Amino acid sequence: LADAAATDDLGQRLAAHRPAQAVVHLHGDLGAGKSTLA
């Protein structure tokens, strides 16, 4: 993910294909982009 726009794009793609019921665990250090992706 080169920049914030790439992170936004991933979020959009995840939303477009998500199952009706889903649990996503977001892992990473502080500042890794977990909240940005959410």
All heavy atoms as atom14 arrays in JSON, in Angstrom:
{
  "sequence": "LADAAATDDLGQRLAAHRPAQAVVHLHGDLGAGKSTLA",
  "atom14_mask": [
    [1, 1, 1, 1, 1, 1, 1, 1, 0, 0, 0, 0, 0, 0],
    [1, 1, 1, 1, 1, 0, 0, 0, 0, 0, 0, 0, 0, 0],
    [1, 1, 1, 1, 1, 1, 1, 1, 0, 0, 0, 0, 0, 0],
    [1, 1, 1, 1, 1, 0, 0, 0, 0, 0, 0, 0, 0, 0],
    [1, 1, 1, 1, 1, 0, 0, 0, 0, 0, 0, 0, 0, 0],
    [1, 1, 1, 1, 1, 0, 0, 0, 0, 0, 0, 0, 0, 0],
    [1, 1, 1, 1, 1, 1, 1, 0, 0, 0, 0, 0, 0, 0],
    [1, 1, 1, 1, 1, 1, 1, 1, 0, 0, 0, 0, 0, 0],
    [1, 1, 1, 1, 1, 1, 1, 1, 0, 0, 0, 0, 0, 0],
    [1, 1, 1, 1, 1, 1, 1, 1, 0, 0, 0, 0, 0, 0],
    [1, 1, 1, 1, 0, 0, 0, 0, 0, 0, 0, 0, 0, 0],
    [1, 1, 1, 1, 1, 1, 1, 1, 1, 0, 0, 0, 0, 0],
    [1, 1, 1, 1, 1, 1, 1, 1, 1, 1, 1, 0, 0, 0],
    [1, 1, 1, 1, 1, 1, 1, 1, 0, 0, 0, 0, 0, 0],
    [1, 1, 1, 1, 1, 0, 0, 0, 0, 0, 0, 0, 0, 0],
    [1, 1, 1, 1, 1, 0, 0, 0, 0, 0, 0, 0, 0, 0],
    [1, 1, 1, 1, 1, 1, 1, 1, 1, 1, 0, 0, 0, 0],
    [1, 1, 1, 1, 1, 1, 1, 1, 1, 1, 1, 0, 0, 0],
    [1, 1, 1, 1, 1, 1, 1, 0, 0, 0, 0, 0, 0, 0],
    [1, 1, 1, 1, 1, 0, 0, 0, 0, 0, 0, 0, 0, 0],
    [1, 1, 1, 1, 1, 1, 1, 1, 1, 0, 0, 0, 0, 0],
    [1, 1, 1, 1, 1, 0, 0, 0, 0, 0, 0, 0, 0, 0],
    [1, 1, 1, 1, 1, 1, 1, 0, 0, 0, 0, 0, 0, 0],
    [1, 1, 1, 1, 1, 1, 1, 0, 0, 0, 0, 0, 0, 0],
    [1, 1, 1, 1, 1, 1, 1, 1, 1, 1, 0, 0, 0, 0],
    [1, 1, 1, 1, 1, 1, 1, 1, 0, 0, 0, 0, 0, 0],
    [1, 1, 1, 1, 1, 1, 1, 1, 1, 1, 0, 0, 0, 0],
    [1, 1, 1, 1, 0, 0, 0, 0, 0, 0, 0, 0, 0, 0],
    [1, 1, 1, 1, 1, 1, 1, 1, 0, 0, 0, 0, 0, 0],
    [1, 1, 1, 1, 1, 1, 1, 1, 0, 0, 0, 0, 0, 0],
    [1, 1, 1, 1, 0, 0, 0, 0, 0, 0, 0, 0, 0, 0],
    [1, 1, 1, 1, 1, 0, 0, 0, 0, 0, 0, 0, 0, 0],
    [1, 1, 1, 1, 0, 0, 0, 0, 0, 0, 0, 0, 0, 0],
    [1, 1, 1, 1, 1, 1, 1, 1, 1, 0, 0, 0, 0, 0],
    [1, 1, 1, 1, 1, 1, 0, 0, 0, 0, 0, 0, 0, 0],
    [1, 1, 1, 1, 1, 1, 1, 0, 0, 0, 0, 0, 0, 0],
    [1, 1, 1, 1, 1, 1, 1, 1, 0, 0, 0, 0, 0, 0],
    [1, 1, 1, 1, 1, 0, 0, 0, 0, 0, 0, 0, 0, 0]
  ],
  "atom14_positions": [
    [[0.87, -1.17, 0.0], [0.0, 0.0, 0.0], [0.91, 1.23, 0.0], [1.47, 1.59, 1.03], [-0.91, -0.01, 1.23], [-1.75, -1.28, 1.42], [-2.49, -1.25, 2.74], [-2.7, -1.48, 0.25], [0.0, 0.0, 0.0], [0.0, 0.0, 0.0], [0.0, 0.0, 0.0], [0.0, 0.0, 0.0], [0.0, 0.0, 0.0], [0.0, 0.0, 0.0]],
    [[1.08, 1.83, -1.15], [2.05, 2.9, -1.33], [1.69, 4.16, -0.56], [2.57, 4.91, -0.13], [2.22, 3.22, -2.81], [0.0, 0.0, 0.0], [0.0, 0.0, 0.0], [0.0, 0.0, 0.0], [0.0, 0.0, 0.0], [0.0, 0.0, 0.0], [0.0, 0.0, 0.0], [0.0, 0.0, 0.0], [0.0, 0.0, 0.0], [0.0, 0.0, 0.0]],
    [[0.37, 4.4, -0.39], [-0.06, 5.64, 0.26], [-1.47, 5.47, 0.82], [-2.06, 4.39, 0.74], [0.0, 6.8, -0.74], [-0.75, 6.5, -2.03], [-1.69, 5.67, -2.03], [-0.41, 7.12, -3.06], [0.0, 0.0, 0.0], [0.0, 0.0, 0.0], [0.0, 0.0, 0.0], [0.0, 0.0, 0.0], [0.0, 0.0, 0.0], [0.0, 0.0, 0.0]],
    [[-2.02, 6.57, 1.36], [-3.36, 6.52, 1.96], [-4.41, 6.15, 0.92], [-5.38, 5.44, 1.24], [-3.69, 7.86, 2.61], [0.0, 0.0, 0.0], [0.0, 0.0, 0.0], [0.0, 0.0, 0.0], [0.0, 0.0, 0.0], [0.0, 0.0, 0.0], [0.0, 0.0, 0.0], [0.0, 0.0, 0.0], [0.0, 0.0, 0.0], [0.0, 0.0, 0.0]],
    [[-4.23, 6.59, -0.32], [-5.19, 6.26, -1.37], [-5.23, 4.75, -1.62], [-6.3, 4.19, -1.86], [-4.86, 7.01, -2.65], [0.0, 0.0, 0.0], [0.0, 0.0, 0.0], [0.0, 0.0, 0.0], [0.0, 0.0, 0.0], [0.0, 0.0, 0.0], [0.0, 0.0, 0.0], [0.0, 0.0, 0.0], [0.0, 0.0, 0.0], [0.0, 0.0, 0.0]],
    [[-4.09, 4.09, -1.54], [-4.04, 2.63, -1.73], [-4.74, 1.92, -0.57], [-5.41, 0.91, -0.76], [-2.6, 2.16, -1.86], [0.0, 0.0, 0.0], [0.0, 0.0, 0.0], [0.0, 0.0, 0.0], [0.0, 0.0, 0.0], [0.0, 0.0, 0.0], [0.0, 0.0, 0.0], [0.0, 0.0, 0.0], [0.0, 0.0, 0.0], [0.0, 0.0, 0.0]],
    [[-4.6, 2.47, 0.64], [-5.28, 1.9, 1.81], [-6.79, 2.08, 1.65], [-7.56, 1.16, 1.92], [-4.78, 2.56, 3.11], [-3.36, 2.36, 3.19], [-5.44, 1.95, 4.33], [0.0, 0.0, 0.0], [0.0, 0.0, 0.0], [0.0, 0.0, 0.0], [0.0, 0.0, 0.0], [0.0, 0.0, 0.0], [0.0, 0.0, 0.0], [0.0, 0.0, 0.0]],
    [[-7.22, 3.26, 1.2], [-8.64, 3.5, 0.95], [-9.18, 2.54, -0.1], [-10.28, 2.01, 0.03], [-8.87, 4.94, 0.5], [-8.72, 5.95, 1.63], [-8.66, 5.54, 2.81], [-8.68, 7.16, 1.33], [0.0, 0.0, 0.0], [0.0, 0.0, 0.0], [0.0, 0.0, 0.0], [0.0, 0.0, 0.0], [0.0, 0.0, 0.0], [0.0, 0.0, 0.0]],
    [[-8.39, 2.32, -1.15], [-8.81, 1.41, -2.22], [-8.99, -0.01, -1.67], [-9.97, -0.68, -2.01], [-7.77, 1.41, -3.35], [-8.18, 0.49, -4.48], [-9.25, 0.71, -5.08], [-7.44, -0.48, -4.75], [0.0, 0.0, 0.0], [0.0, 0.0, 0.0], [0.0, 0.0, 0.0], [0.0, 0.0, 0.0], [0.0, 0.0, 0.0], [0.0, 0.0, 0.0]],
    [[-8.09, -0.45, -0.82], [-8.23, -1.78, -0.22], [-9.51, -1.84, 0.62], [-10.26, -2.82, 0.54], [-7.01, -2.14, 0.62], [-7.1, -3.47, 1.38], [-7.34, -4.64, 0.43], [-5.84, -3.68, 2.21], [0.0, 0.0, 0.0], [0.0, 0.0, 0.0], [0.0, 0.0, 0.0], [0.0, 0.0, 0.0], [0.0, 0.0, 0.0], [0.0, 0.0, 0.0]],
    [[-9.78, -0.81, 1.4], [-11.0, -0.78, 2.19], [-12.24, -0.86, 1.32], [-13.19, -1.59, 1.63], [0.0, 0.0, 0.0], [0.0, 0.0, 0.0], [0.0, 0.0, 0.0], [0.0, 0.0, 0.0], [0.0, 0.0, 0.0], [0.0, 0.0, 0.0], [0.0, 0.0, 0.0], [0.0, 0.0, 0.0], [0.0, 0.0, 0.0], [0.0, 0.0, 0.0]],
    [[-12.24, -0.16, 0.2], [-13.37, -0.2, -0.74], [-13.54, -1.58, -1.35], [-14.66, -2.08, -1.48], [-13.18, 0.85, -1.83], [-13.31, 2.27, -1.31], [-12.88, 3.31, -2.32], [-12.69, 3.02, -3.51], [-12.68, 4.53, -1.87], [0.0, 0.0, 0.0], [0.0, 0.0, 0.0], [0.0, 0.0, 0.0], [0.0, 0.0, 0.0], [0.0, 0.0, 0.0]],
    [[-12.43, -2.19, -1.72], [-12.5, -3.53, -2.31], [-12.99, -4.56, -1.29], [-13.78, -5.45, -1.61], [-11.14, -3.92, -2.88], [-10.78, -3.08, -4.1], [-9.37, -3.3, -4.61], [-9.07, -4.69, -4.82], [-7.87, -5.23, -4.61], [-6.88, -4.49, -4.16], [-7.67, -6.5, -4.85], [0.0, 0.0, 0.0], [0.0, 0.0, 0.0], [0.0, 0.0, 0.0]],
    [[-12.53, -4.44, -0.05], [-13.0, -5.34, 1.0], [-14.5, -5.18, 1.21], [-15.24, -6.16, 1.35], [-12.25, -5.09, 2.31], [-10.81, -5.59, 2.37], [-10.08, -4.95, 3.55], [-10.78, -7.1, 2.46], [0.0, 0.0, 0.0], [0.0, 0.0, 0.0], [0.0, 0.0, 0.0], [0.0, 0.0, 0.0], [0.0, 0.0, 0.0], [0.0, 0.0, 0.0]],
    [[-14.97, -3.93, 1.23], [-16.39, -3.66, 1.42], [-17.23, -4.23, 0.27], [-18.3, -4.79, 0.5], [-16.62, -2.16, 1.55], [0.0, 0.0, 0.0], [0.0, 0.0, 0.0], [0.0, 0.0, 0.0], [0.0, 0.0, 0.0], [0.0, 0.0, 0.0], [0.0, 0.0, 0.0], [0.0, 0.0, 0.0], [0.0, 0.0, 0.0], [0.0, 0.0, 0.0]],
    [[-16.73, -4.09, -0.93], [-17.48, -4.54, -2.11], [-17.69, -6.05, -2.14], [-18.65, -6.53, -2.74], [-16.76, -4.09, -3.38], [0.0, 0.0, 0.0], [0.0, 0.0, 0.0], [0.0, 0.0, 0.0], [0.0, 0.0, 0.0], [0.0, 0.0, 0.0], [0.0, 0.0, 0.0], [0.0, 0.0, 0.0], [0.0, 0.0, 0.0], [0.0, 0.0, 0.0]],
    [[-16.81, -6.79, -1.49], [-16.87, -8.25, -1.57], [-17.13, -8.93, -0.24], [-17.06, -10.16, -0.15], [-15.55, -8.78, -2.15], [-15.29, -8.28, -3.54], [-16.01, -8.69, -4.63], [-14.4, -7.37, -4.01], [-15.58, -8.08, -5.71], [-14.61, -7.26, -5.36], [0.0, 0.0, 0.0], [0.0, 0.0, 0.0], [0.0, 0.0, 0.0], [0.0, 0.0, 0.0]],
    [[-17.44, -8.18, 0.8], [-17.57, -8.78, 2.13], [-18.76, -9.72, 2.2], [-19.79, -9.51, 1.56], [-17.67, -7.71, 3.2], [-19.06, -7.13, 3.32], [-19.17, -6.23, 4.52], [-20.45, -5.55, 4.48], [-21.47, -5.86, 5.26], [-21.35, -6.8, 6.16], [-22.6, -5.21, 5.17], [0.0, 0.0, 0.0], [0.0, 0.0, 0.0], [0.0, 0.0, 0.0]],
    [[-18.61, -10.77, 3.0], [-19.75, -11.67, 3.22], [-20.78, -10.98, 4.1], [-20.52, -9.95, 4.73], [-19.11, -12.86, 3.94], [-17.78, -12.43, 4.39], [-17.39, -11.22, 3.62], [0.0, 0.0, 0.0], [0.0, 0.0, 0.0], [0.0, 0.0, 0.0], [0.0, 0.0, 0.0], [0.0, 0.0, 0.0], [0.0, 0.0, 0.0], [0.0, 0.0, 0.0]],
    [[-21.98, -11.55, 4.18], [-23.06, -10.97, 4.96], [-22.69, -10.83, 6.44], [-23.07, -9.88, 7.11], [-24.33, -11.8, 4.81], [0.0, 0.0, 0.0], [0.0, 0.0, 0.0], [0.0, 0.0, 0.0], [0.0, 0.0, 0.0], [0.0, 0.0, 0.0], [0.0, 0.0, 0.0], [0.0, 0.0, 0.0], [0.0, 0.0, 0.0], [0.0, 0.0, 0.0]],
    [[-21.94, -11.79, 6.95], [-21.5, -11.8, 8.35], [-20.0, -12.01, 8.34], [-19.52, -12.97, 7.73], [-22.19, -12.94, 9.09], [-22.17, -12.86, 10.59], [-23.19, -11.87, 11.14], [-24.18, -11.56, 10.5], [-22.92, -11.35, 12.31], [0.0, 0.0, 0.0], [0.0, 0.0, 0.0], [0.0, 0.0, 0.0], [0.0, 0.0, 0.0], [0.0, 0.0, 0.0]],
    [[-19.23, -11.13, 8.99], [-17.77, -11.29, 8.95], [-17.11, -10.71, 10.19], [-17.55, -9.7, 10.73], [-17.2, -10.61, 7.71], [0.0, 0.0, 0.0], [0.0, 0.0, 0.0], [0.0, 0.0, 0.0], [0.0, 0.0, 0.0], [0.0, 0.0, 0.0], [0.0, 0.0, 0.0], [0.0, 0.0, 0.0], [0.0, 0.0, 0.0], [0.0, 0.0, 0.0]],
    [[-16.03, -11.38, 10.59], [-15.17, -10.9, 11.67], [-13.78, -10.71, 11.08], [-13.22, -11.63, 10.48], [-15.12, -11.91, 12.85], [-14.14, -11.44, 13.92], [-16.51, -12.13, 13.42], [0.0, 0.0, 0.0], [0.0, 0.0, 0.0], [0.0, 0.0, 0.0], [0.0, 0.0, 0.0], [0.0, 0.0, 0.0], [0.0, 0.0, 0.0], [0.0, 0.0, 0.0]],
    [[-13.22, -9.5, 11.26], [-11.9, -9.17, 10.74], [-11.01, -8.77, 11.91], [-11.37, -7.88, 12.68], [-11.96, -8.01, 9.72], [-10.56, -7.66, 9.22], [-12.89, -8.35, 8.57], [0.0, 0.0, 0.0], [0.0, 0.0, 0.0], [0.0, 0.0, 0.0], [0.0, 0.0, 0.0], [0.0, 0.0, 0.0], [0.0, 0.0, 0.0], [0.0, 0.0, 0.0]],
    [[-9.89, -9.44, 12.05], [-8.89, -9.08, 13.05], [-7.79, -8.3, 12.36], [-7.21, -8.78, 11.38], [-8.32, -10.33, 13.73], [-9.26, -10.98, 14.67], [-8.88, -12.07, 15.44], [-10.55, -10.71, 15.01], [-9.91, -12.44, 16.19], [-10.93, -11.64, 15.93], [0.0, 0.0, 0.0], [0.0, 0.0, 0.0], [0.0, 0.0, 0.0], [0.0, 0.0, 0.0]],
    [[-7.52, -7.09, 12.87], [-6.51, -6.2, 12.3], [-5.29, -6.2, 13.21], [-5.36, -5.8, 14.37], [-7.08, -4.78, 12.18], [-8.3, -4.66, 11.27], [-9.07, -3.39, 11.56], [-7.87, -4.71, 9.82], [0.0, 0.0, 0.0], [0.0, 0.0, 0.0], [0.0, 0.0, 0.0], [0.0, 0.0, 0.0], [0.0, 0.0, 0.0], [0.0, 0.0, 0.0]],
    [[-4.17, -6.65, 12.67], [-2.92, -6.76, 13.42], [-1.91, -5.75, 12.89], [-1.89, -5.45, 11.69], [-2.32, -8.16, 13.26], [-3.16, -9.25, 13.85], [-3.05, -9.64, 15.15], [-4.14, -10.01, 13.29], [-3.92, -10.62, 15.39], [-4.59, -10.86, 14.28], [0.0, 0.0, 0.0], [0.0, 0.0, 0.0], [0.0, 0.0, 0.0], [0.0, 0.0, 0.0]],
    [[-1.06, -5.27, 13.77], [0.02, -4.37, 13.36], [0.41, -3.46, 14.5], [-0.36, -3.24, 15.43], [0.0, 0.0, 0.0], [0.0, 0.0, 0.0], [0.0, 0.0, 0.0], [0.0, 0.0, 0.0], [0.0, 0.0, 0.0], [0.0, 0.0, 0.0], [0.0, 0.0, 0.0], [0.0, 0.0, 0.0], [0.0, 0.0, 0.0], [0.0, 0.0, 0.0]],
    [[1.62, -2.93, 14.41], [2.11, -2.01, 15.42], [1.32, -0.7, 15.38], [0.56, -0.44, 14.44], [3.59, -1.71, 15.17], [4.48, -2.91, 15.42], [4.08, -3.81, 16.2], [5.58, -2.97, 14.82], [0.0, 0.0, 0.0], [0.0, 0.0, 0.0], [0.0, 0.0, 0.0], [0.0, 0.0, 0.0], [0.0, 0.0, 0.0], [0.0, 0.0, 0.0]],
    [[1.54, 0.14, 16.39], [0.95, 1.47, 16.4], [1.37, 2.2, 15.13], [2.54, 2.16, 14.73], [1.42, 2.27, 17.62], [0.86, 1.83, 18.97], [1.58, 2.54, 20.1], [-0.63, 2.09, 19.04], [0.0, 0.0, 0.0], [0.0, 0.0, 0.0], [0.0, 0.0, 0.0], [0.0, 0.0, 0.0], [0.0, 0.0, 0.0], [0.0, 0.0, 0.0]],
    [[0.43, 2.84, 14.46], [0.73, 3.58, 13.24], [0.81, 2.75, 11.98], [1.14, 3.28, 10.92], [0.0, 0.0, 0.0], [0.0, 0.0, 0.0], [0.0, 0.0, 0.0], [0.0, 0.0, 0.0], [0.0, 0.0, 0.0], [0.0, 0.0, 0.0], [0.0, 0.0, 0.0], [0.0, 0.0, 0.0], [0.0, 0.0, 0.0], [0.0, 0.0, 0.0]],
    [[0.49, 1.47, 12.07], [0.59, 0.59, 10.89], [-0.56, 0.77, 9.91], [-0.5, 0.29, 8.79], [0.68, -0.87, 11.32], [0.0, 0.0, 0.0], [0.0, 0.0, 0.0], [0.0, 0.0, 0.0], [0.0, 0.0, 0.0], [0.0, 0.0, 0.0], [0.0, 0.0, 0.0], [0.0, 0.0, 0.0], [0.0, 0.0, 0.0], [0.0, 0.0, 0.0]],
    [[-1.64, 1.45, 10.33], [-2.75, 1.7, 9.41], [-4.03, 0.94, 9.71], [-4.93, 0.91, 8.87], [0.0, 0.0, 0.0], [0.0, 0.0, 0.0], [0.0, 0.0, 0.0], [0.0, 0.0, 0.0], [0.0, 0.0, 0.0], [0.0, 0.0, 0.0], [0.0, 0.0, 0.0], [0.0, 0.0, 0.0], [0.0, 0.0, 0.0], [0.0, 0.0, 0.0]],
    [[-4.13, 0.34, 10.87], [-5.33, -0.44, 11.22], [-6.59, 0.43, 11.21], [-7.58, 0.08, 10.57], [-5.16, -1.11, 12.58], [-4.0, -2.11, 12.66], [-3.83, -2.71, 14.04], [-3.53, -1.72, 15.13], [-2.23, -1.04, 15.01], [0.0, 0.0, 0.0], [0.0, 0.0, 0.0], [0.0, 0.0, 0.0], [0.0, 0.0, 0.0], [0.0, 0.0, 0.0]],
    [[-6.54, 1.56, 11.89], [-7.7, 2.45, 11.96], [-8.0, 3.07, 10.59], [-9.16, 3.24, 10.23], [-7.49, 3.55, 12.99], [-7.48, 3.02, 14.29], [0.0, 0.0, 0.0], [0.0, 0.0, 0.0], [0.0, 0.0, 0.0], [0.0, 0.0, 0.0], [0.0, 0.0, 0.0], [0.0, 0.0, 0.0], [0.0, 0.0, 0.0], [0.0, 0.0, 0.0]],
    [[-6.97, 3.41, 9.85], [-7.15, 3.98, 8.52], [-7.89, 3.01, 7.61], [-8.83, 3.38, 6.91], [-5.79, 4.36, 7.9], [-5.14, 5.29, 8.76], [-5.93, 4.95, 6.52], [0.0, 0.0, 0.0], [0.0, 0.0, 0.0], [0.0, 0.0, 0.0], [0.0, 0.0, 0.0], [0.0, 0.0, 0.0], [0.0, 0.0, 0.0], [0.0, 0.0, 0.0]],
    [[-7.49, 1.75, 7.65], [-8.15, 0.74, 6.83], [-9.59, 0.51, 7.3], [-10.51, 0.42, 6.48], [-7.37, -0.58, 6.86], [-7.96, -1.72, 6.04], [-8.1, -1.33, 4.57], [-7.12, -2.97, 6.18], [0.0, 0.0, 0.0], [0.0, 0.0, 0.0], [0.0, 0.0, 0.0], [0.0, 0.0, 0.0], [0.0, 0.0, 0.0], [0.0, 0.0, 0.0]],
    [[-9.8, 0.45, 8.62], [-11.16, 0.27, 9.14], [-12.06, 1.42, 8.71], [-13.2, 1.2, 8.29], [-11.12, 0.15, 10.66], [0.0, 0.0, 0.0], [0.0, 0.0, 0.0], [0.0, 0.0, 0.0], [0.0, 0.0, 0.0], [0.0, 0.0, 0.0], [0.0, 0.0, 0.0], [0.0, 0.0, 0.0], [0.0, 0.0, 0.0], [0.0, 0.0, 0.0]]
  ]
}
